[in-house]
Amino acid sequence: MEWLIRVLELIQLLGWASLFGGALVQLRLAEPEINRPMFGGVLVQFVAGVAVAVISLLGPGPVNLAKIIVVGVIMLATVVLVVLNRRFATIPRGLLALIMAVTVITAALEVLWV
């Protein structure tokens, strides 16, 4: 069961990398947008995160509920930001910076919060 959680965490990190990389590419453009890597990355990281949380909760070991709740709420906020703004042709640079900052914060919390 532990190896499954680790594989799902790796998939989650790859989703974060896709989201962050897609946002990083948009910094060079005059009119940034929500691109496919950002959209796919946010969905991958959210689904993998939910799977990690469910498997952890169903497992026999101790679970850090505070971490699951905090990271889950921040991930859900990121999903909402990306999905709702995907329909627009361009997004403000401030929103792009917010998405990038929240992505880094979420990844840091997931990796560093023990």
PDB file of N, CA and C in Angstrom:
ATOM      1  N   MET A   1       0.831  -1.190   0.000  1.00  0.00           N
ATOM      2  CA  MET A   1       0.000   0.000   0.000  1.00  0.00           C
ATOM      3  C   MET A   1       0.874   1.252   0.000  1.00  0.00           C
ATOM      4  N   GLU A   2       1.993   1.175   0.691  1.00  0.00           N
ATOM      5  CA  GLU A   2       2.901   2.323   0.769  1.00  0.00           C
ATOM      6  C   GLU A   2       3.465   2.676  -0.604  1.00  0.00           C
ATOM      7  N   TRP A   3       3.793   1.670  -1.405  1.00  0.00           N
ATOM      8  CA  TRP A   3       4.343   1.951  -2.730  1.00  0.00           C
ATOM      9  C   TRP A   3       3.304   2.611  -3.629  1.00  0.00           C
ATOM     10  N   LEU A   4       2.024   2.252  -3.456  1.00  0.00           N
ATOM     11  CA  LEU A   4       0.962   2.867  -4.251  1.00  0.00           C
ATOM     12  C   LEU A   4       0.827   4.355  -3.919  1.00  0.00           C
ATOM     13  N   ILE A   5       0.938   4.687  -2.641  1.00  0.00           N
ATOM     14  CA  ILE A   5       0.883   6.092  -2.226  1.00  0.00           C
ATOM     15  C   ILE A   5       2.057   6.861  -2.826  1.00  0.00           C
ATOM     16  N   ARG A   6       3.240   6.262  -2.815  1.00  0.00           N
ATOM     17  CA  ARG A   6       4.424   6.933  -3.369  1.00  0.00           C
ATOM     18  C   ARG A   6       4.292   7.145  -4.884  1.00  0.00           C
ATOM     19  N   VAL A   7       3.754   6.157  -5.588  1.00  0.00           N
ATOM     20  CA  VAL A   7       3.551   6.299  -7.035  1.00  0.00           C
ATOM     21  C   VAL A   7       2.533   7.402  -7.315  1.00  0.00           C
ATOM     22  N   LEU A   8       1.460   7.443  -6.544  1.00  0.00           N
ATOM     23  CA  LEU A   8       0.454   8.493  -6.725  1.00  0.00           C
ATOM     24  C   LEU A   8       1.015   9.872  -6.390  1.00  0.00           C
ATOM     25  N   GLU A   9       1.883   9.941  -5.382  1.00  0.00           N
ATOM     26  CA  GLU A   9       2.527  11.221  -5.067  1.00  0.00           C
ATOM     27  C   GLU A   9       3.448  11.666  -6.199  1.00  0.00           C
ATOM     28  N   LEU A  10       4.116  10.719  -6.840  1.00  0.00           N
ATOM     29  CA  LEU A  10       4.945  11.050  -8.002  1.00  0.00           C
ATOM     30  C   LEU A  10       4.079  11.589  -9.141  1.00  0.00           C
ATOM     31  N   ILE A  11       2.954  10.939  -9.394  1.00  0.00           N
ATOM     32  CA  ILE A  11       2.032  11.410 -10.433  1.00  0.00           C
ATOM     33  C   ILE A  11       1.518  12.802 -10.085  1.00  0.00           C
ATOM     34  N   GLN A  12       1.248  13.022  -8.808  1.00  0.00           N
ATOM     35  CA  GLN A  12       0.787  14.335  -8.352  1.00  0.00           C
ATOM     36  C   GLN A  12       1.862  15.398  -8.602  1.00  0.00           C
ATOM     37  N   LEU A  13       3.100  15.087  -8.311  1.00  0.00           N
ATOM     38  CA  LEU A  13       4.194  16.028  -8.568  1.00  0.00           C
ATOM     39  C   LEU A  13       4.368  16.305 -10.063  1.00  0.00           C
ATOM     40  N   LEU A  14       4.148  15.302 -10.892  1.00  0.00           N
ATOM     41  CA  LEU A  14       4.210  15.522 -12.341  1.00  0.00           C
ATOM     42  C   LEU A  14       3.087  16.454 -12.800  1.00  0.00           C
ATOM     43  N   GLY A  15       1.922  16.327 -12.190  1.00  0.00           N
ATOM     44  CA  GLY A  15       0.830  17.259 -12.488  1.00  0.00           C
ATOM     45  C   GLY A  15       1.187  18.677 -12.096  1.00  0.00           C
ATOM     46  N   TRP A  16       1.805  18.829 -10.909  1.00  0.00           N
ATOM     47  CA  TRP A  16       2.252  20.157 -10.485  1.00  0.00           C
ATOM     48  C   TRP A  16       3.289  20.714 -11.458  1.00  0.00           C
ATOM     49  N   ALA A  17       4.194  19.860 -11.901  1.00  0.00           N
ATOM     50  CA  ALA A  17       5.228  20.309 -12.837  1.00  0.00           C
ATOM     51  C   ALA A  17       4.604  20.775 -14.149  1.00  0.00           C
ATOM     52  N   SER A  18       3.600  20.060 -14.629  1.00  0.00           N
ATOM     53  CA  SER A  18       2.920  20.462 -15.854  1.00  0.00           C
ATOM     54  C   SER A  18       2.196  21.788 -15.670  1.00  0.00           C
ATOM     55  N   LEU A  19       1.521  21.940 -14.546  1.00  0.00           N
ATOM     56  CA  LEU A  19       0.810  23.188 -14.263  1.00  0.00           C
ATOM     57  C   LEU A  19       1.781  24.358 -14.169  1.00  0.00           C
ATOM     58  N   PHE A  20       2.852  24.178 -13.416  1.00  0.00           N
ATOM     59  CA  PHE A  20       3.822  25.255 -13.234  1.00  0.00           C
ATOM     60  C   PHE A  20       4.569  25.556 -14.533  1.00  0.00           C
ATOM     61  N   GLY A  21       4.958  24.513 -15.255  1.00  0.00           N
ATOM     62  CA  GLY A  21       5.655  24.712 -16.525  1.00  0.00           C
ATOM     63  C   GLY A  21       4.783  25.414 -17.556  1.00  0.00           C
ATOM     64  N   GLY A  22       3.516  25.024 -17.615  1.00  0.00           N
ATOM     65  CA  GLY A  22       2.598  25.695 -18.530  1.00  0.00           C
ATOM     66  C   GLY A  22       2.423  27.160 -18.184  1.00  0.00           C
ATOM     67  N   ALA A  23       2.364  27.463 -16.890  1.00  0.00           N
ATOM     68  CA  ALA A  23       2.243  28.858 -16.459  1.00  0.00           C
ATOM     69  C   ALA A  23       3.536  29.621 -16.738  1.00  0.00           C
ATOM     70  N   LEU A  24       4.665  28.959 -16.545  1.00  0.00           N
ATOM     71  CA  LEU A  24       5.957  29.602 -16.790  1.00  0.00           C
ATOM     72  C   LEU A  24       6.112  29.995 -18.262  1.00  0.00           C
ATOM     73  N   VAL A  25       5.643  29.150 -19.156  1.00  0.00           N
ATOM     74  CA  VAL A  25       5.696  29.449 -20.586  1.00  0.00           C
ATOM     75  C   VAL A  25       4.847  30.682 -20.905  1.00  0.00           C
ATOM     76  N   GLN A  26       3.743  30.846 -20.199  1.00  0.00           N
ATOM     77  CA  GLN A  26       2.842  31.969 -20.462  1.00  0.00           C
ATOM     78  C   GLN A  26       3.439  33.309 -20.043  1.00  0.00           C
ATOM     79  N   LEU A  27       4.443  33.298 -19.190  1.00  0.00           N
ATOM     80  CA  LEU A  27       5.068  34.551 -18.767  1.00  0.00           C
ATOM     81  C   LEU A  27       5.698  35.309 -19.930  1.00  0.00           C
ATOM     82  N   ARG A  28       6.148  34.605 -20.940  1.00  0.00           N
ATOM     83  CA  ARG A  28       6.815  35.240 -22.080  1.00  0.00           C
ATOM     84  C   ARG A  28       5.837  35.894 -23.045  1.00  0.00           C
ATOM     85  N   LEU A  29       4.582  35.511 -22.987  1.00  0.00           N
ATOM     86  CA  LEU A  29       3.599  36.014 -23.940  1.00  0.00           C
ATOM     87  C   LEU A  29       3.037  37.357 -23.502  1.00  0.00           C
ATOM     88  N   ALA A  30       2.657  38.158 -24.472  1.00  0.00           N
ATOM     89  CA  ALA A  30       2.049  39.456 -24.166  1.00  0.00           C
ATOM     90  C   ALA A  30       0.654  39.282 -23.576  1.00  0.00           C
ATOM     91  N   GLU A  31      -0.057  38.244 -24.030  1.00  0.00           N
ATOM     92  CA  GLU A  31      -1.402  37.965 -23.531  1.00  0.00           C
ATOM     93  C   GLU A  31      -1.454  36.519 -23.045  1.00  0.00           C
ATOM     94  N   PRO A  32      -1.190  36.283 -21.759  1.00  0.00           N
ATOM     95  CA  PRO A  32      -1.182  34.910 -21.245  1.00  0.00           C
ATOM     96  C   PRO A  32      -2.578  34.298 -21.251  1.00  0.00           C
ATOM     97  N   GLU A  33      -2.602  32.973 -21.282  1.00  0.00           N
ATOM     98  CA  GLU A  33      -3.859  32.228 -21.267  1.00  0.00           C
ATOM     99  C   GLU A  33      -3.677  30.960 -20.449  1.00  0.00           C
ATOM    100  N   ILE A  34      -4.781  30.284 -20.181  1.00  0.00           N
ATOM    101  CA  ILE A  34      -4.715  28.968 -19.544  1.00  0.00           C
ATOM    102  C   ILE A  34      -4.513  27.968 -20.682  1.00  0.00           C
ATOM    103  N   ASN A  35      -3.332  27.380 -20.764  1.00  0.00           N
ATOM    104  CA  ASN A  35      -3.037  26.457 -21.858  1.00  0.00           C
ATOM    105  C   ASN A  35      -3.321  25.009 -21.442  1.00  0.00           C
ATOM    106  N   ARG A  36      -3.158  24.090 -22.378  1.00  0.00           N
ATOM    107  CA  ARG A  36      -3.472  22.682 -22.112  1.00  0.00           C
ATOM    108  C   ARG A  36      -2.604  22.060 -21.022  1.00  0.00           C
ATOM    109  N   PRO A  37      -1.295  22.316 -20.994  1.00  0.00           N
ATOM    110  CA  PRO A  37      -0.511  21.741 -19.895  1.00  0.00           C
ATOM    111  C   PRO A  37      -0.975  22.217 -18.517  1.00  0.00           C
ATOM    112  N   MET A  38      -1.398  23.456 -18.418  1.00  0.00           N
ATOM    113  CA  MET A  38      -1.907  23.959 -17.140  1.00  0.00           C
ATOM    114  C   MET A  38      -3.201  23.243 -16.771  1.00  0.00           C
ATOM    115  N   PHE A  39      -4.108  23.126 -17.732  1.00  0.00           N
ATOM    116  CA  PHE A  39      -5.396  22.488 -17.478  1.00  0.00           C
ATOM    117  C   PHE A  39      -5.219  21.008 -17.139  1.00  0.00           C
ATOM    118  N   GLY A  40      -4.429  20.311 -17.948  1.00  0.00           N
ATOM    119  CA  GLY A  40      -4.183  18.895 -17.678  1.00  0.00           C
ATOM    120  C   GLY A  40      -3.441  18.679 -16.373  1.00  0.00           C
ATOM    121  N   GLY A  41      -2.464  19.531 -16.104  1.00  0.00           N
ATOM    122  CA  GLY A  41      -1.684  19.401 -14.876  1.00  0.00           C
ATOM    123  C   GLY A  41      -2.512  19.592 -13.625  1.00  0.00           C
ATOM    124  N   VAL A  42      -3.413  20.579 -13.648  1.00  0.00           N
ATOM    125  CA  VAL A  42      -4.228  20.825 -12.464  1.00  0.00           C
ATOM    126  C   VAL A  42      -5.187  19.658 -12.226  1.00  0.00           C
ATOM    127  N   LEU A  43      -5.702  19.059 -13.296  1.00  0.00           N
ATOM    128  CA  LEU A  43      -6.596  17.914 -13.119  1.00  0.00           C
ATOM    129  C   LEU A  43      -5.842  16.683 -12.616  1.00  0.00           C
ATOM    130  N   VAL A  44      -4.651  16.452 -13.170  1.00  0.00           N
ATOM    131  CA  VAL A  44      -3.841  15.306 -12.734  1.00  0.00           C
ATOM    132  C   VAL A  44      -3.455  15.448 -11.272  1.00  0.00           C
ATOM    133  N   GLN A  45      -2.986  16.625 -10.875  1.00  0.00           N
ATOM    134  CA  GLN A  45      -2.556  16.797  -9.486  1.00  0.00           C
ATOM    135  C   GLN A  45      -3.733  16.690  -8.533  1.00  0.00           C
ATOM    136  N   PHE A  46      -4.909  17.147  -8.934  1.00  0.00           N
ATOM    137  CA  PHE A  46      -6.069  17.068  -8.047  1.00  0.00           C
ATOM    138  C   PHE A  46      -6.556  15.624  -7.898  1.00  0.00           C
ATOM    139  N   VAL A  47      -6.688  14.910  -9.011  1.00  0.00           N
ATOM    140  CA  VAL A  47      -7.160  13.524  -8.951  1.00  0.00           C
ATOM    141  C   VAL A  47      -6.162  12.649  -8.188  1.00  0.00           C
ATOM    142  N   ALA A  48      -4.873  12.827  -8.449  1.00  0.00           N
ATOM    143  CA  ALA A  48      -3.859  12.050  -7.728  1.00  0.00           C
ATOM    144  C   ALA A  48      -3.854  12.410  -6.247  1.00  0.00           C
ATOM    145  N   GLY A  49      -4.045  13.680  -5.925  1.00  0.00           N
ATOM    146  CA  GLY A  49      -4.101  14.101  -4.525  1.00  0.00           C
ATOM    147  C   GLY A  49      -5.285  13.505  -3.789  1.00  0.00           C
ATOM    148  N   VAL A  50      -6.438  13.477  -4.444  1.00  0.00           N
ATOM    149  CA  VAL A  50      -7.620  12.862  -3.832  1.00  0.00           C
ATOM    150  C   VAL A  50      -7.382  11.369  -3.628  1.00  0.00           C
ATOM    151  N   ALA A  51      -6.763  10.710  -4.606  1.00  0.00           N
ATOM    152  CA  ALA A  51      -6.471   9.282  -4.473  1.00  0.00           C
ATOM    153  C   ALA A  51      -5.514   9.019  -3.316  1.00  0.00           C
ATOM    154  N   VAL A  52      -4.491   9.850  -3.167  1.00  0.00           N
ATOM    155  CA  VAL A  52      -3.552   9.701  -2.041  1.00  0.00           C
ATOM    156  C   VAL A  52      -4.286   9.875  -0.719  1.00  0.00           C
ATOM    157  N   ALA A  53      -5.157  10.871  -0.640  1.00  0.00           N
ATOM    158  CA  ALA A  53      -5.894  11.124   0.600  1.00  0.00           C
ATOM    159  C   ALA A  53      -6.814   9.958   0.945  1.00  0.00           C
ATOM    160  N   VAL A  54      -7.526   9.436  -0.041  1.00  0.00           N
ATOM    161  CA  VAL A  54      -8.451   8.326   0.213  1.00  0.00           C
ATOM    162  C   VAL A  54      -7.695   7.080   0.649  1.00  0.00           C
ATOM    163  N   ILE A  55      -6.612   6.756  -0.037  1.00  0.00           N
ATOM    164  CA  ILE A  55      -5.833   5.568   0.334  1.00  0.00           C
ATOM    165  C   ILE A  55      -5.221   5.740   1.720  1.00  0.00           C
ATOM    166  N   SER A  56      -4.757   6.941   2.038  1.00  0.00           N
ATOM    167  CA  SER A  56      -4.189   7.194   3.365  1.00  0.00           C
ATOM    168  C   SER A  56      -5.247   7.055   4.450  1.00  0.00           C
ATOM    169  N   LEU A  57      -6.440   7.562   4.182  1.00  0.00           N
ATOM    170  CA  LEU A  57      -7.514   7.472   5.175  1.00  0.00           C
ATOM    171  C   LEU A  57      -7.984   6.037   5.380  1.00  0.00           C
ATOM    172  N   LEU A  58      -7.955   5.233   4.335  1.00  0.00           N
ATOM    173  CA  LEU A  58      -8.393   3.845   4.445  1.00  0.00           C
ATOM    174  C   LEU A  58      -7.315   2.924   4.998  1.00  0.00           C
ATOM    175  N   GLY A  59      -6.076   3.379   5.008  1.00  0.00           N
ATOM    176  CA  GLY A  59      -4.965   2.563   5.487  1.00  0.00           C
ATOM    177  C   GLY A  59      -4.950   2.433   7.002  1.00  0.00           C
ATOM    178  N   PRO A  60      -4.129   1.517   7.498  1.00  0.00           N
ATOM    179  CA  PRO A  60      -4.095   1.260   8.939  1.00  0.00           C
ATOM    180  C   PRO A  60      -3.272   2.269   9.741  1.00  0.00           C
ATOM    181  N   GLY A  61      -2.410   3.013   9.092  1.00  0.00           N
ATOM    182  CA  GLY A  61      -1.497   3.913   9.798  1.00  0.00           C
ATOM    183  C   GLY A  61      -2.144   5.216  10.214  1.00  0.00           C
ATOM    184  N   PRO A  62      -1.393   6.006  10.992  1.00  0.00           N
ATOM    185  CA  PRO A  62      -1.910   7.318  11.410  1.00  0.00           C
ATOM    186  C   PRO A  62      -1.985   8.280  10.219  1.00  0.00           C
ATOM    187  N   VAL A  63      -2.942   9.185  10.284  1.00  0.00           N
ATOM    188  CA  VAL A  63      -3.183  10.122   9.189  1.00  0.00           C
ATOM    189  C   VAL A  63      -3.152  11.543   9.734  1.00  0.00           C
ATOM    190  N   ASN A  64      -2.500  12.437   9.018  1.00  0.00           N
ATOM    191  CA  ASN A  64      -2.455  13.845   9.384  1.00  0.00           C
ATOM    192  C   ASN A  64      -3.628  14.546   8.698  1.00  0.00           C
ATOM    193  N   LEU A  65      -4.760  14.625   9.406  1.00  0.00           N
ATOM    194  CA  LEU A  65      -5.964  15.211   8.821  1.00  0.00           C
ATOM    195  C   LEU A  65      -5.796  16.688   8.499  1.00  0.00           C
ATOM    196  N   ALA A  66      -5.049  17.400   9.322  1.00  0.00           N
ATOM    197  CA  ALA A  66      -4.838  18.827   9.067  1.00  0.00           C
ATOM    198  C   ALA A  66      -4.145  19.032   7.723  1.00  0.00           C
ATOM    199  N   LYS A  67      -3.138  18.224   7.440  1.00  0.00           N
ATOM    200  CA  LYS A  67      -2.420  18.334   6.170  1.00  0.00           C
ATOM    201  C   LYS A  67      -3.350  18.027   5.001  1.00  0.00           C
ATOM    202  N   ILE A  68      -4.141  16.974   5.125  1.00  0.00           N
ATOM    203  CA  ILE A  68      -5.054  16.592   4.049  1.00  0.00           C
ATOM    204  C   ILE A  68      -6.061  17.699   3.777  1.00  0.00           C
ATOM    205  N   ILE A  69      -6.596  18.297   4.833  1.00  0.00           N
ATOM    206  CA  ILE A  69      -7.599  19.349   4.664  1.00  0.00           C
ATOM    207  C   ILE A  69      -6.983  20.607   4.060  1.00  0.00           C
ATOM    208  N   VAL A  70      -5.861  21.055   4.615  1.00  0.00           N
ATOM    209  CA  VAL A  70      -5.232  22.291   4.127  1.00  0.00           C
ATOM    210  C   VAL A  70      -4.798  22.146   2.672  1.00  0.00           C
ATOM    211  N   VAL A  71      -4.093  21.081   2.360  1.00  0.00           N
ATOM    212  CA  VAL A  71      -3.619  20.884   0.989  1.00  0.00           C
ATOM    213  C   VAL A  71      -4.802  20.669   0.045  1.00  0.00           C
ATOM    214  N   GLY A  72      -5.814  19.953   0.499  1.00  0.00           N
ATOM    215  CA  GLY A  72      -6.998  19.727  -0.333  1.00  0.00           C
ATOM    216  C   GLY A  72      -7.734  21.007  -0.672  1.00  0.00           C
ATOM    217  N   VAL A  73      -7.890  21.884   0.304  1.00  0.00           N
ATOM    218  CA  VAL A  73      -8.576  23.160   0.055  1.00  0.00           C
ATOM    219  C   VAL A  73      -7.769  24.026  -0.909  1.00  0.00           C
ATOM    220  N   ILE A  74      -6.455  24.069  -0.725  1.00  0.00           N
ATOM    221  CA  ILE A  74      -5.621  24.879  -1.618  1.00  0.00           C
ATOM    222  C   ILE A  74      -5.626  24.292  -3.032  1.00  0.00           C
ATOM    223  N   MET A  75      -5.574  22.960  -3.142  1.00  0.00           N
ATOM    224  CA  MET A  75      -5.631  22.339  -4.463  1.00  0.00           C
ATOM    225  C   MET A  75      -6.970  22.615  -5.140  1.00  0.00           C
ATOM    226  N   LEU A  76      -8.051  22.550  -4.375  1.00  0.00           N
ATOM    227  CA  LEU A  76      -9.370  22.829  -4.940  1.00  0.00           C
ATOM    228  C   LEU A  76      -9.460  24.273  -5.433  1.00  0.00           C
ATOM    229  N   ALA A  77      -8.866  25.192  -4.689  1.00  0.00           N
ATOM    230  CA  ALA A  77      -8.841  26.594  -5.122  1.00  0.00           C
ATOM    231  C   ALA A  77      -8.065  26.741  -6.432  1.00  0.00           C
ATOM    232  N   THR A  78      -6.976  26.008  -6.567  1.00  0.00           N
ATOM    233  CA  THR A  78      -6.194  26.058  -7.803  1.00  0.00           C
ATOM    234  C   THR A  78      -7.006  25.512  -8.975  1.00  0.00           C
ATOM    235  N   VAL A  79      -7.705  24.407  -8.741  1.00  0.00           N
ATOM    236  CA  VAL A  79      -8.548  23.829  -9.792  1.00  0.00           C
ATOM    237  C   VAL A  79      -9.608  24.830 -10.234  1.00  0.00           C
ATOM    238  N   VAL A  80     -10.240  25.484  -9.270  1.00  0.00           N
ATOM    239  CA  VAL A  80     -11.278  26.470  -9.595  1.00  0.00           C
ATOM    240  C   VAL A  80     -10.690  27.624 -10.401  1.00  0.00           C
ATOM    241  N   LEU A  81      -9.529  28.126  -9.986  1.00  0.00           N
ATOM    242  CA  LEU A  81      -8.894  29.231 -10.714  1.00  0.00           C
ATOM    243  C   LEU A  81      -8.594  28.863 -12.164  1.00  0.00           C
ATOM    244  N   VAL A  82      -8.068  27.677 -12.364  1.00  0.00           N
ATOM    245  CA  VAL A  82      -7.673  27.272 -13.719  1.00  0.00           C
ATOM    246  C   VAL A  82      -8.899  26.934 -14.571  1.00  0.00           C
ATOM    247  N   VAL A  83      -9.810  26.143 -14.030  1.00  0.00           N
ATOM    248  CA  VAL A  83     -10.951  25.688 -14.827  1.00  0.00           C
ATOM    249  C   VAL A  83     -11.880  26.847 -15.188  1.00  0.00           C
ATOM    250  N   LEU A  84     -12.172  27.723 -14.245  1.00  0.00           N
ATOM    251  CA  LEU A  84     -13.092  28.824 -14.535  1.00  0.00           C
ATOM    252  C   LEU A  84     -12.500  29.860 -15.484  1.00  0.00           C
ATOM    253  N   ASN A  85     -11.192  30.009 -15.487  1.00  0.00           N
ATOM    254  CA  ASN A  85     -10.564  31.012 -16.348  1.00  0.00           C
ATOM    255  C   ASN A  85     -10.083  30.442 -17.675  1.00  0.00           C
ATOM    256  N   ARG A  86     -10.322  29.167 -17.918  1.00  0.00           N
ATOM    257  CA  ARG A  86      -9.897  28.549 -19.174  1.00  0.00           C
ATOM    258  C   ARG A  86     -10.710  29.062 -20.355  1.00  0.00           C
ATOM    259  N   ARG A  87     -11.920  29.487 -20.112  1.00  0.00           N
ATOM    260  CA  ARG A  87     -12.797  29.918 -21.202  1.00  0.00           C
ATOM    261  C   ARG A  87     -12.426  31.281 -21.775  1.00  0.00           C
ATOM    262  N   PHE A  88     -11.586  32.036 -21.070  1.00  0.00           N
ATOM    263  CA  PHE A  88     -11.194  33.361 -21.548  1.00  0.00           C
ATOM    264  C   PHE A  88      -9.986  33.254 -22.475  1.00  0.00           C
ATOM    265  N   ALA A  89      -9.957  34.130 -23.472  1.00  0.00           N
ATOM    266  CA  ALA A  89      -8.838  34.121 -24.427  1.00  0.00           C
ATOM    267  C   ALA A  89      -7.539  34.542 -23.755  1.00  0.00           C
ATOM    268  N   THR A  90      -7.611  35.487 -22.822  1.00  0.00           N
ATOM    269  CA  THR A  90      -6.426  35.920 -22.079  1.00  0.00           C
ATOM    270  C   THR A  90      -6.795  36.054 -20.609  1.00  0.00           C
ATOM    271  N   ILE A  91      -5.766  35.995 -19.764  1.00  0.00           N
ATOM    272  CA  ILE A  91      -5.970  36.190 -18.327  1.00  0.00           C
ATOM    273  C   ILE A  91      -5.016  37.287 -17.859  1.00  0.00           C
ATOM    274  N   PRO A  92      -5.356  37.967 -16.774  1.00  0.00           N
ATOM    275  CA  PRO A  92      -4.446  38.991 -16.244  1.00  0.00           C
ATOM    276  C   PRO A  92      -3.152  38.365 -15.720  1.00  0.00           C
ATOM    277  N   ARG A  93      -2.085  39.121 -15.780  1.00  0.00           N
ATOM    278  CA  ARG A  93      -0.794  38.629 -15.274  1.00  0.00           C
ATOM    279  C   ARG A  93      -0.852  38.348 -13.777  1.00  0.00           C
ATOM    280  N   GLY A  94      -1.647  39.114 -13.052  1.00  0.00           N
ATOM    281  CA  GLY A  94      -1.791  38.879 -11.620  1.00  0.00           C
ATOM    282  C   GLY A  94      -2.394  37.514 -11.328  1.00  0.00           C
ATOM    283  N   LEU A  95      -3.371  37.110 -12.128  1.00  0.00           N
ATOM    284  CA  LEU A  95      -3.971  35.784 -11.969  1.00  0.00           C
ATOM    285  C   LEU A  95      -2.956  34.698 -12.290  1.00  0.00           C
ATOM    286  N   LEU A  96      -2.172  34.906 -13.323  1.00  0.00           N
ATOM    287  CA  LEU A  96      -1.125  33.941 -13.667  1.00  0.00           C
ATOM    288  C   LEU A  96      -0.118  33.817 -12.528  1.00  0.00           C
ATOM    289  N   ALA A  97       0.272  34.946 -11.945  1.00  0.00           N
ATOM    290  CA  ALA A  97       1.202  34.923 -10.810  1.00  0.00           C
ATOM    291  C   ALA A  97       0.574  34.223  -9.613  1.00  0.00           C
ATOM    292  N   LEU A  98      -0.719  34.447  -9.384  1.00  0.00           N
ATOM    293  CA  LEU A  98      -1.414  33.785  -8.279  1.00  0.00           C
ATOM    294  C   LEU A  98      -1.447  32.278  -8.482  1.00  0.00           C
ATOM    295  N   ILE A  99      -1.742  31.835  -9.688  1.00  0.00           N
ATOM    296  CA  ILE A  99      -1.766  30.398  -9.978  1.00  0.00           C
ATOM    297  C   ILE A  99      -0.386  29.791  -9.751  1.00  0.00           C
ATOM    298  N   MET A 100       0.656  30.471 -10.195  1.00  0.00           N
ATOM    299  CA  MET A 100       2.013  29.963  -9.995  1.00  0.00           C
ATOM    300  C   MET A 100       2.376  29.918  -8.515  1.00  0.00           C
ATOM    301  N   ALA A 101       2.031  30.957  -7.771  1.00  0.00           N
ATOM    302  CA  ALA A 101       2.351  31.001  -6.342  1.00  0.00           C
ATOM    303  C   ALA A 101       1.610  29.909  -5.579  1.00  0.00           C
ATOM    304  N   VAL A 102       0.340  29.739  -5.872  1.00  0.00           N
ATOM    305  CA  VAL A 102      -0.447  28.711  -5.179  1.00  0.00           C
ATOM    306  C   VAL A 102       0.067  27.319  -5.534  1.00  0.00           C
ATOM    307  N   THR A 103       0.510  27.135  -6.763  1.00  0.00           N
ATOM    308  CA  THR A 103       1.075  25.848  -7.171  1.00  0.00           C
ATOM    309  C   THR A 103       2.342  25.532  -6.382  1.00  0.00           C
ATOM    310  N   VAL A 104       3.225  26.501  -6.251  1.00  0.00           N
ATOM    311  CA  VAL A 104       4.462  26.293  -5.487  1.00  0.00           C
ATOM    312  C   VAL A 104       4.148  26.050  -4.010  1.00  0.00           C
ATOM    313  N   ILE A 105       3.219  26.808  -3.454  1.00  0.00           N
ATOM    314  CA  ILE A 105       2.849  26.636  -2.045  1.00  0.00           C
ATOM    315  C   ILE A 105       2.266  25.252  -1.808  1.00  0.00           C
ATOM    316  N   THR A 106       1.401  24.801  -2.704  1.00  0.00           N
ATOM    317  CA  THR A 106       0.796  23.478  -2.550  1.00  0.00           C
ATOM    318  C   THR A 106       1.849  22.375  -2.624  1.00  0.00           C
ATOM    319  N   ALA A 107       2.750  22.478  -3.592  1.00  0.00           N
ATOM    320  CA  ALA A 107       3.806  21.470  -3.712  1.00  0.00           C
ATOM    321  C   ALA A 107       4.707  21.482  -2.482  1.00  0.00           C
ATOM    322  N   ALA A 108       5.031  22.667  -1.987  1.00  0.00           N
ATOM    323  CA  ALA A 108       5.878  22.761  -0.792  1.00  0.00           C
ATOM    324  C   ALA A 108       5.184  22.163   0.423  1.00  0.00           C
ATOM    325  N   LEU A 109       3.907  22.453   0.597  1.00  0.00           N
ATOM    326  CA  LEU A 109       3.176  21.882   1.729  1.00  0.00           C
ATOM    327  C   LEU A 109       3.124  20.362   1.640  1.00  0.00           C
ATOM    328  N   GLU A 110       2.852  19.855   0.452  1.00  0.00           N
ATOM    329  CA  GLU A 110       2.741  18.408   0.284  1.00  0.00           C
ATOM    330  C   GLU A 110       4.068  17.703   0.560  1.00  0.00           C
ATOM    331  N   VAL A 111       5.156  18.304   0.118  1.00  0.00           N
ATOM    332  CA  VAL A 111       6.459  17.648   0.262  1.00  0.00           C
ATOM    333  C   VAL A 111       7.067  17.876   1.644  1.00  0.00           C
ATOM    334  N   LEU A 112       6.964  19.091   2.170  1.00  0.00           N
ATOM    335  CA  LEU A 112       7.684  19.435   3.397  1.00  0.00           C
ATOM    336  C   LEU A 112       6.898  19.199   4.685  1.00  0.00           C
ATOM    337  N   TRP A 113       5.577  19.170   4.613  1.00  0.00           N
ATOM    338  CA  TRP A 113       4.771  18.963   5.824  1.00  0.00           C
ATOM    339  C   TRP A 113       4.741  17.474   6.139  1.00  0.00           C
ATOM    340  N   VAL A 114       5.357  17.115   7.219  1.00  0.00           N
ATOM    341  CA  VAL A 114       5.468  15.693   7.584  1.00  0.00           C
ATOM    342  C   VAL A 114       4.371  15.299   8.534  1.00  0.00           C
TER     343      VAL A 114
END
